[in-house]
Amino acid sequence: MAQSPLAQLLPFILLFVIFYFLIIRPQQKQHKAHKEMLESLKKGDTIVTSGGLIAEVVKPEEDFIKIRLSDSVVAKLDRNYVARKIGD
């Protein structure tokens, strides 16, 4: 007995829909929120880097951010390595 092509594809379609709502969509929302946070960084914000360093933003630039690690240490950090912002 032959099944219709739609009946054969239905489990795969259902699996994809579940996969989308449980994995893909939340990841897209998280990526969007992180991108908005990076764009909203301004002088004086406190951030945590991917390496776990806590620093203060001195000057946000297009690709990099100048950060202050201590009173005498100012460094450039790639925007991709900002994990989160502390205290909105």
PDB file of N, CA and C in Angstrom:
ATOM      1  N   MET A   1       0.847  -1.179   0.000  1.00  0.00           N
ATOM      2  CA  MET A   1       0.000   0.000   0.000  1.00  0.00           C
ATOM      3  C   MET A   1       0.893   1.244   0.000  1.00  0.00           C
ATOM      4  N   ALA A   2       0.731   2.085  -0.983  1.00  0.00           N
ATOM      5  CA  ALA A   2       1.558   3.275  -1.141  1.00  0.00           C
ATOM      6  C   ALA A   2       0.927   4.456  -0.403  1.00  0.00           C
ATOM      7  N   GLN A   3       1.801   5.190   0.288  1.00  0.00           N
ATOM      8  CA  GLN A   3       1.335   6.383   0.986  1.00  0.00           C
ATOM      9  C   GLN A   3       1.575   7.596   0.105  1.00  0.00           C
ATOM     10  N   SER A   4       0.844   8.632   0.376  1.00  0.00           N
ATOM     11  CA  SER A   4       1.036   9.862  -0.393  1.00  0.00           C
ATOM     12  C   SER A   4       2.377  10.492   0.000  1.00  0.00           C
ATOM     13  N   PRO A   5       2.959  11.246  -0.906  1.00  0.00           N
ATOM     14  CA  PRO A   5       4.243  11.894  -0.593  1.00  0.00           C
ATOM     15  C   PRO A   5       4.154  12.829   0.620  1.00  0.00           C
ATOM     16  N   LEU A   6       3.004  13.475   0.796  1.00  0.00           N
ATOM     17  CA  LEU A   6       2.844  14.375   1.933  1.00  0.00           C
ATOM     18  C   LEU A   6       2.869  13.602   3.250  1.00  0.00           C
ATOM     19  N   ALA A   7       2.257  12.456   3.269  1.00  0.00           N
ATOM     20  CA  ALA A   7       2.247  11.634   4.482  1.00  0.00           C
ATOM     21  C   ALA A   7       3.651  11.136   4.818  1.00  0.00           C
ATOM     22  N   GLN A   8       4.459  10.913   3.817  1.00  0.00           N
ATOM     23  CA  GLN A   8       5.830  10.465   4.053  1.00  0.00           C
ATOM     24  C   GLN A   8       6.704  11.613   4.568  1.00  0.00           C
ATOM     25  N   LEU A   9       6.430  12.834   4.138  1.00  0.00           N
ATOM     26  CA  LEU A   9       7.235  13.988   4.549  1.00  0.00           C
ATOM     27  C   LEU A   9       6.746  14.628   5.844  1.00  0.00           C
ATOM     28  N   LEU A  10       5.549  14.334   6.260  1.00  0.00           N
ATOM     29  CA  LEU A  10       4.966  14.957   7.440  1.00  0.00           C
ATOM     30  C   LEU A  10       5.833  14.799   8.699  1.00  0.00           C
ATOM     31  N   PRO A  11       6.384  13.627   9.007  1.00  0.00           N
ATOM     32  CA  PRO A  11       7.248  13.537  10.198  1.00  0.00           C
ATOM     33  C   PRO A  11       8.487  14.438  10.118  1.00  0.00           C
ATOM     34  N   PHE A  12       9.061  14.574   8.922  1.00  0.00           N
ATOM     35  CA  PHE A  12      10.239  15.433   8.771  1.00  0.00           C
ATOM     36  C   PHE A  12       9.873  16.908   8.926  1.00  0.00           C
ATOM     37  N   ILE A  13       8.719  17.280   8.402  1.00  0.00           N
ATOM     38  CA  ILE A  13       8.259  18.658   8.538  1.00  0.00           C
ATOM     39  C   ILE A  13       7.979  18.975  10.000  1.00  0.00           C
ATOM     40  N   LEU A  14       7.318  18.051  10.684  1.00  0.00           N
ATOM     41  CA  LEU A  14       7.031  18.227  12.102  1.00  0.00           C
ATOM     42  C   LEU A  14       8.319  18.323  12.919  1.00  0.00           C
ATOM     43  N   LEU A  15       9.294  17.505  12.603  1.00  0.00           N
ATOM     44  CA  LEU A  15      10.588  17.533  13.297  1.00  0.00           C
ATOM     45  C   LEU A  15      11.286  18.871  13.076  1.00  0.00           C
ATOM     46  N   PHE A  16      11.238  19.387  11.849  1.00  0.00           N
ATOM     47  CA  PHE A  16      11.864  20.671  11.564  1.00  0.00           C
ATOM     48  C   PHE A  16      11.179  21.805  12.329  1.00  0.00           C
ATOM     49  N   VAL A  17       9.858  21.788  12.405  1.00  0.00           N
ATOM     50  CA  VAL A  17       9.117  22.828  13.125  1.00  0.00           C
ATOM     51  C   VAL A  17       9.492  22.811  14.610  1.00  0.00           C
ATOM     52  N   ILE A  18       9.562  21.636  15.189  1.00  0.00           N
ATOM     53  CA  ILE A  18       9.957  21.516  16.601  1.00  0.00           C
ATOM     54  C   ILE A  18      11.386  22.006  16.784  1.00  0.00           C
ATOM     55  N   PHE A  19      12.280  21.594  15.901  1.00  0.00           N
ATOM     56  CA  PHE A  19      13.680  22.009  15.947  1.00  0.00           C
ATOM     57  C   PHE A  19      13.787  23.529  15.848  1.00  0.00           C
ATOM     58  N   TYR A  20      12.994  24.142  14.951  1.00  0.00           N
ATOM     59  CA  TYR A  20      13.031  25.587  14.769  1.00  0.00           C
ATOM     60  C   TYR A  20      12.626  26.311  16.048  1.00  0.00           C
ATOM     61  N   PHE A  21      11.511  25.914  16.654  1.00  0.00           N
ATOM     62  CA  PHE A  21      11.009  26.634  17.821  1.00  0.00           C
ATOM     63  C   PHE A  21      11.807  26.352  19.090  1.00  0.00           C
ATOM     64  N   LEU A  22      12.487  25.228  19.176  1.00  0.00           N
ATOM     65  CA  LEU A  22      13.257  24.918  20.378  1.00  0.00           C
ATOM     66  C   LEU A  22      14.721  25.346  20.295  1.00  0.00           C
ATOM     67  N   ILE A  23      15.268  25.437  19.086  1.00  0.00           N
ATOM     68  CA  ILE A  23      16.699  25.727  18.978  1.00  0.00           C
ATOM     69  C   ILE A  23      16.992  26.974  18.139  1.00  0.00           C
ATOM     70  N   ILE A  24      16.510  27.028  16.937  1.00  0.00           N
ATOM     71  CA  ILE A  24      16.898  28.103  16.014  1.00  0.00           C
ATOM     72  C   ILE A  24      16.342  29.459  16.446  1.00  0.00           C
ATOM     73  N   ARG A  25      15.064  29.537  16.733  1.00  0.00           N
ATOM     74  CA  ARG A  25      14.439  30.823  17.073  1.00  0.00           C
ATOM     75  C   ARG A  25      15.017  31.447  18.347  1.00  0.00           C
ATOM     76  N   PRO A  26      15.160  30.681  19.455  1.00  0.00           N
ATOM     77  CA  PRO A  26      15.768  31.294  20.648  1.00  0.00           C
ATOM     78  C   PRO A  26      17.201  31.775  20.408  1.00  0.00           C
ATOM     79  N   GLN A  27      17.951  31.038  19.593  1.00  0.00           N
ATOM     80  CA  GLN A  27      19.325  31.445  19.304  1.00  0.00           C
ATOM     81  C   GLN A  27      19.337  32.740  18.497  1.00  0.00           C
ATOM     82  N   GLN A  28      18.412  32.900  17.569  1.00  0.00           N
ATOM     83  CA  GLN A  28      18.326  34.136  16.791  1.00  0.00           C
ATOM     84  C   GLN A  28      17.963  35.324  17.683  1.00  0.00           C
ATOM     85  N   LYS A  29      17.048  35.106  18.638  1.00  0.00           N
ATOM     86  CA  LYS A  29      16.665  36.180  19.569  1.00  0.00           C
ATOM     87  C   LYS A  29      17.855  36.580  20.437  1.00  0.00           C
ATOM     88  N   GLN A  30      18.608  35.594  20.913  1.00  0.00           N
ATOM     89  CA  GLN A  30      19.768  35.877  21.750  1.00  0.00           C
ATOM     90  C   GLN A  30      20.825  36.638  20.956  1.00  0.00           C
ATOM     91  N   HIS A  31      21.057  36.250  19.720  1.00  0.00           N
ATOM     92  CA  HIS A  31      22.033  36.931  18.865  1.00  0.00           C
ATOM     93  C   HIS A  31      21.615  38.381  18.620  1.00  0.00           C
ATOM     94  N   LYS A  32      20.327  38.592  18.381  1.00  0.00           N
ATOM     95  CA  LYS A  32      19.819  39.946  18.142  1.00  0.00           C
ATOM     96  C   LYS A  32      19.980  40.815  19.386  1.00  0.00           C
ATOM     97  N   ALA A  33      19.672  40.262  20.558  1.00  0.00           N
ATOM     98  CA  ALA A  33      19.813  41.019  21.808  1.00  0.00           C
ATOM     99  C   ALA A  33      21.273  41.370  22.071  1.00  0.00           C
ATOM    100  N   HIS A  34      22.190  40.447  21.785  1.00  0.00           N
ATOM    101  CA  HIS A  34      23.618  40.705  21.989  1.00  0.00           C
ATOM    102  C   HIS A  34      24.101  41.792  21.036  1.00  0.00           C
ATOM    103  N   LYS A  35      23.635  41.744  19.795  1.00  0.00           N
ATOM    104  CA  LYS A  35      24.026  42.760  18.815  1.00  0.00           C
ATOM    105  C   LYS A  35      23.530  44.140  19.235  1.00  0.00           C
ATOM    106  N   GLU A  36      22.299  44.220  19.734  1.00  0.00           N
ATOM    107  CA  GLU A  36      21.760  45.497  20.210  1.00  0.00           C
ATOM    108  C   GLU A  36      22.543  46.014  21.408  1.00  0.00           C
ATOM    109  N   MET A  37      22.950  45.107  22.306  1.00  0.00           N
ATOM    110  CA  MET A  37      23.742  45.508  23.467  1.00  0.00           C
ATOM    111  C   MET A  37      25.085  46.077  23.013  1.00  0.00           C
ATOM    112  N   LEU A  38      25.721  45.454  22.029  1.00  0.00           N
ATOM    113  CA  LEU A  38      27.004  45.948  21.529  1.00  0.00           C
ATOM    114  C   LEU A  38      26.850  47.335  20.902  1.00  0.00           C
ATOM    115  N   GLU A  39      25.763  47.537  20.186  1.00  0.00           N
ATOM    116  CA  GLU A  39      25.542  48.838  19.540  1.00  0.00           C
ATOM    117  C   GLU A  39      25.221  49.931  20.546  1.00  0.00           C
ATOM    118  N   SER A  40      24.712  49.560  21.720  1.00  0.00           N
ATOM    119  CA  SER A  40      24.320  50.561  22.710  1.00  0.00           C
ATOM    120  C   SER A  40      25.429  50.890  23.712  1.00  0.00           C
ATOM    121  N   LEU A  41      26.600  50.260  23.569  1.00  0.00           N
ATOM    122  CA  LEU A  41      27.693  50.546  24.510  1.00  0.00           C
ATOM    123  C   LEU A  41      28.134  51.992  24.390  1.00  0.00           C
ATOM    124  N   LYS A  42      28.380  52.605  25.536  1.00  0.00           N
ATOM    125  CA  LYS A  42      28.835  53.993  25.553  1.00  0.00           C
ATOM    126  C   LYS A  42      29.907  54.156  26.627  1.00  0.00           C
ATOM    127  N   LYS A  43      30.534  55.291  26.626  1.00  0.00           N
ATOM    128  CA  LYS A  43      31.597  55.578  27.579  1.00  0.00           C
ATOM    129  C   LYS A  43      31.068  55.451  29.007  1.00  0.00           C
ATOM    130  N   GLY A  44      31.828  54.752  29.849  1.00  0.00           N
ATOM    131  CA  GLY A  44      31.456  54.598  31.247  1.00  0.00           C
ATOM    132  C   GLY A  44      30.749  53.291  31.561  1.00  0.00           C
ATOM    133  N   ASP A  45      30.280  52.556  30.533  1.00  0.00           N
ATOM    134  CA  ASP A  45      29.624  51.270  30.772  1.00  0.00           C
ATOM    135  C   ASP A  45      30.636  50.247  31.272  1.00  0.00           C
ATOM    136  N   THR A  46      30.195  49.369  32.148  1.00  0.00           N
ATOM    137  CA  THR A  46      31.036  48.291  32.644  1.00  0.00           C
ATOM    138  C   THR A  46      30.656  47.017  31.903  1.00  0.00           C
ATOM    139  N   ILE A  47      31.672  46.322  31.375  1.00  0.00           N
ATOM    140  CA  ILE A  47      31.436  45.118  30.591  1.00  0.00           C
ATOM    141  C   ILE A  47      32.242  43.952  31.140  1.00  0.00           C
ATOM    142  N   VAL A  48      31.834  42.761  30.750  1.00  0.00           N
ATOM    143  CA  VAL A  48      32.596  41.543  31.026  1.00  0.00           C
ATOM    144  C   VAL A  48      33.005  40.989  29.675  1.00  0.00           C
ATOM    145  N   THR A  49      34.298  40.689  29.516  1.00  0.00           N
ATOM    146  CA  THR A  49      34.782  40.131  28.259  1.00  0.00           C
ATOM    147  C   THR A  49      34.592  38.620  28.251  1.00  0.00           C
ATOM    148  N   SER A  50      34.769  38.027  27.088  1.00  0.00           N
ATOM    149  CA  SER A  50      34.668  36.572  26.970  1.00  0.00           C
ATOM    150  C   SER A  50      35.723  35.869  27.812  1.00  0.00           C
ATOM    151  N   GLY A  51      36.815  36.534  28.070  1.00  0.00           N
ATOM    152  CA  GLY A  51      37.881  35.971  28.895  1.00  0.00           C
ATOM    153  C   GLY A  51      37.641  36.150  30.384  1.00  0.00           C
ATOM    154  N   GLY A  52      36.567  36.843  30.752  1.00  0.00           N
ATOM    155  CA  GLY A  52      36.224  37.013  32.151  1.00  0.00           C
ATOM    156  C   GLY A  52      36.736  38.296  32.783  1.00  0.00           C
ATOM    157  N   LEU A  53      37.353  39.165  32.001  1.00  0.00           N
ATOM    158  CA  LEU A  53      37.839  40.435  32.535  1.00  0.00           C
ATOM    159  C   LEU A  53      36.691  41.423  32.671  1.00  0.00           C
ATOM    160  N   ILE A  54      36.703  42.173  33.744  1.00  0.00           N
ATOM    161  CA  ILE A  54      35.716  43.234  33.942  1.00  0.00           C
ATOM    162  C   ILE A  54      36.414  44.547  33.634  1.00  0.00           C
ATOM    163  N   ALA A  55      35.817  45.332  32.742  1.00  0.00           N
ATOM    164  CA  ALA A  55      36.466  46.555  32.290  1.00  0.00           C
ATOM    165  C   ALA A  55      35.430  47.654  32.096  1.00  0.00           C
ATOM    166  N   GLU A  56      35.924  48.875  32.014  1.00  0.00           N
ATOM    167  CA  GLU A  56      35.072  50.042  31.767  1.00  0.00           C
ATOM    168  C   GLU A  56      35.320  50.526  30.345  1.00  0.00           C
ATOM    169  N   VAL A  57      34.264  50.833  29.632  1.00  0.00           N
ATOM    170  CA  VAL A  57      34.375  51.333  28.260  1.00  0.00           C
ATOM    171  C   VAL A  57      34.895  52.762  28.302  1.00  0.00           C
ATOM    172  N   VAL A  58      35.981  53.005  27.566  1.00  0.00           N
ATOM    173  CA  VAL A  58      36.558  54.344  27.477  1.00  0.00           C
ATOM    174  C   VAL A  58      36.052  55.035  26.221  1.00  0.00           C
ATOM    175  N   LYS A  59      36.082  54.288  25.092  1.00  0.00           N
ATOM    176  CA  LYS A  59      35.642  54.867  23.826  1.00  0.00           C
ATOM    177  C   LYS A  59      35.185  53.744  22.898  1.00  0.00           C
ATOM    178  N   PRO A  60      33.892  53.682  22.592  1.00  0.00           N
ATOM    179  CA  PRO A  60      33.440  52.693  21.604  1.00  0.00           C
ATOM    180  C   PRO A  60      33.787  53.155  20.194  1.00  0.00           C
ATOM    181  N   GLU A  61      34.363  52.261  19.412  1.00  0.00           N
ATOM    182  CA  GLU A  61      34.692  52.543  18.020  1.00  0.00           C
ATOM    183  C   GLU A  61      33.914  51.573  17.146  1.00  0.00           C
ATOM    184  N   GLU A  62      34.127  51.644  15.837  1.00  0.00           N
ATOM    185  CA  GLU A  62      33.331  50.815  14.928  1.00  0.00           C
ATOM    186  C   GLU A  62      33.592  49.323  15.113  1.00  0.00           C
ATOM    187  N   ASP A  63      34.846  48.899  15.064  1.00  0.00           N
ATOM    188  CA  ASP A  63      35.173  47.469  15.190  1.00  0.00           C
ATOM    189  C   ASP A  63      35.737  47.102  16.551  1.00  0.00           C
ATOM    190  N   PHE A  64      36.297  48.078  17.239  1.00  0.00           N
ATOM    191  CA  PHE A  64      36.947  47.828  18.520  1.00  0.00           C
ATOM    192  C   PHE A  64      36.348  48.731  19.592  1.00  0.00           C
ATOM    193  N   ILE A  65      36.655  48.388  20.835  1.00  0.00           N
ATOM    194  CA  ILE A  65      36.239  49.207  21.965  1.00  0.00           C
ATOM    195  C   ILE A  65      37.479  49.446  22.808  1.00  0.00           C
ATOM    196  N   LYS A  66      37.744  50.693  23.138  1.00  0.00           N
ATOM    197  CA  LYS A  66      38.837  50.977  24.064  1.00  0.00           C
ATOM    198  C   LYS A  66      38.288  50.788  25.468  1.00  0.00           C
ATOM    199  N   ILE A  67      38.996  49.956  26.251  1.00  0.00           N
ATOM    200  CA  ILE A  67      38.537  49.649  27.603  1.00  0.00           C
ATOM    201  C   ILE A  67      39.617  49.971  28.616  1.00  0.00           C
ATOM    202  N   ARG A  68      39.184  50.285  29.835  1.00  0.00           N
ATOM    203  CA  ARG A  68      40.110  50.551  30.935  1.00  0.00           C
ATOM    204  C   ARG A  68      40.045  49.361  31.875  1.00  0.00           C
ATOM    205  N   LEU A  69      41.185  48.687  32.036  1.00  0.00           N
ATOM    206  CA  LEU A  69      41.264  47.544  32.935  1.00  0.00           C
ATOM    207  C   LEU A  69      41.639  47.971  34.346  1.00  0.00           C
ATOM    208  N   SER A  70      42.472  48.990  34.445  1.00  0.00           N
ATOM    209  CA  SER A  70      42.828  49.584  35.733  1.00  0.00           C
ATOM    210  C   SER A  70      43.108  51.064  35.467  1.00  0.00           C
ATOM    211  N   ASP A  71      43.548  51.781  36.486  1.00  0.00           N
ATOM    212  CA  ASP A  71      43.779  53.219  36.318  1.00  0.00           C
ATOM    213  C   ASP A  71      44.805  53.532  35.233  1.00  0.00           C
ATOM    214  N   SER A  72      45.789  52.660  35.062  1.00  0.00           N
ATOM    215  CA  SER A  72      46.862  52.958  34.118  1.00  0.00           C
ATOM    216  C   SER A  72      46.850  52.083  32.870  1.00  0.00           C
ATOM    217  N   VAL A  73      45.897  51.170  32.748  1.00  0.00           N
ATOM    218  CA  VAL A  73      45.886  50.249  31.612  1.00  0.00           C
ATOM    219  C   VAL A  73      44.635  50.477  30.758  1.00  0.00           C
ATOM    220  N   VAL A  74      44.872  50.929  29.518  1.00  0.00           N
ATOM    221  CA  VAL A  74      43.802  51.068  28.537  1.00  0.00           C
ATOM    222  C   VAL A  74      44.155  50.154  27.373  1.00  0.00           C
ATOM    223  N   ALA A  75      43.197  49.338  26.938  1.00  0.00           N
ATOM    224  CA  ALA A  75      43.445  48.382  25.868  1.00  0.00           C
ATOM    225  C   ALA A  75      42.329  48.458  24.842  1.00  0.00           C
ATOM    226  N   LYS A  76      42.609  47.901  23.664  1.00  0.00           N
ATOM    227  CA  LYS A  76      41.598  47.796  22.621  1.00  0.00           C
ATOM    228  C   LYS A  76      41.048  46.380  22.642  1.00  0.00           C
ATOM    229  N   LEU A  77      39.737  46.261  22.540  1.00  0.00           N
ATOM    230  CA  LEU A  77      39.080  44.963  22.563  1.00  0.00           C
ATOM    231  C   LEU A  77      38.178  44.856  21.340  1.00  0.00           C
ATOM    232  N   ASP A  78      38.255  43.729  20.663  1.00  0.00           N
ATOM    233  CA  ASP A  78      37.362  43.470  19.536  1.00  0.00           C
ATOM    234  C   ASP A  78      35.933  43.364  20.058  1.00  0.00           C
ATOM    235  N   ARG A  79      34.991  43.958  19.375  1.00  0.00           N
ATOM    236  CA  ARG A  79      33.592  43.939  19.822  1.00  0.00           C
ATOM    237  C   ARG A  79      33.055  42.519  19.991  1.00  0.00           C
ATOM    238  N   ASN A  80      33.570  41.579  19.227  1.00  0.00           N
ATOM    239  CA  ASN A  80      33.083  40.200  19.304  1.00  0.00           C
ATOM    240  C   ASN A  80      33.412  39.537  20.634  1.00  0.00           C
ATOM    241  N   TYR A  81      34.310  40.093  21.411  1.00  0.00           N
ATOM    242  CA  TYR A  81      34.716  39.487  22.676  1.00  0.00           C
ATOM    243  C   TYR A  81      34.057  40.118  23.891  1.00  0.00           C
ATOM    244  N   VAL A  82      33.049  40.942  23.678  1.00  0.00           N
ATOM    245  CA  VAL A  82      32.265  41.466  24.794  1.00  0.00           C
ATOM    246  C   VAL A  82      31.173  40.448  25.089  1.00  0.00           C
ATOM    247  N   ALA A  83      31.199  39.885  26.286  1.00  0.00           N
ATOM    248  CA  ALA A  83      30.222  38.860  26.640  1.00  0.00           C
ATOM    249  C   ALA A  83      28.904  39.501  27.101  1.00  0.00           C
ATOM    250  N   ARG A  84      29.017  40.478  27.990  1.00  0.00           N
ATOM    251  CA  ARG A  84      27.799  41.110  28.495  1.00  0.00           C
ATOM    252  C   ARG A  84      28.128  42.448  29.123  1.00  0.00           C
ATOM    253  N   LYS A  85      27.079  43.179  29.391  1.00  0.00           N
ATOM    254  CA  LYS A  85      27.188  44.493  30.022  1.00  0.00           C
ATOM    255  C   LYS A  85      26.670  44.340  31.447  1.00  0.00           C
ATOM    256  N   ILE A  86      27.372  44.943  32.399  1.00  0.00           N
ATOM    257  CA  ILE A  86      26.975  44.842  33.801  1.00  0.00           C
ATOM    258  C   ILE A  86      26.161  46.079  34.168  1.00  0.00           C
ATOM    259  N   GLY A  87      25.041  45.854  34.826  1.00  0.00           N
ATOM    260  CA  GLY A  87      24.247  46.946  35.390  1.00  0.00           C
ATOM    261  C   GLY A  87      23.732  47.925  34.384  1.00  0.00           C
ATOM    262  N   ASP A  88      22.571  47.641  33.815  1.00  0.00           N
ATOM    263  CA  ASP A  88      21.978  48.575  32.846  1.00  0.00           C
ATOM    264  C   ASP A  88      21.523  49.798  33.542  1.00  0.00           C
TER     265      ASP A  88
END
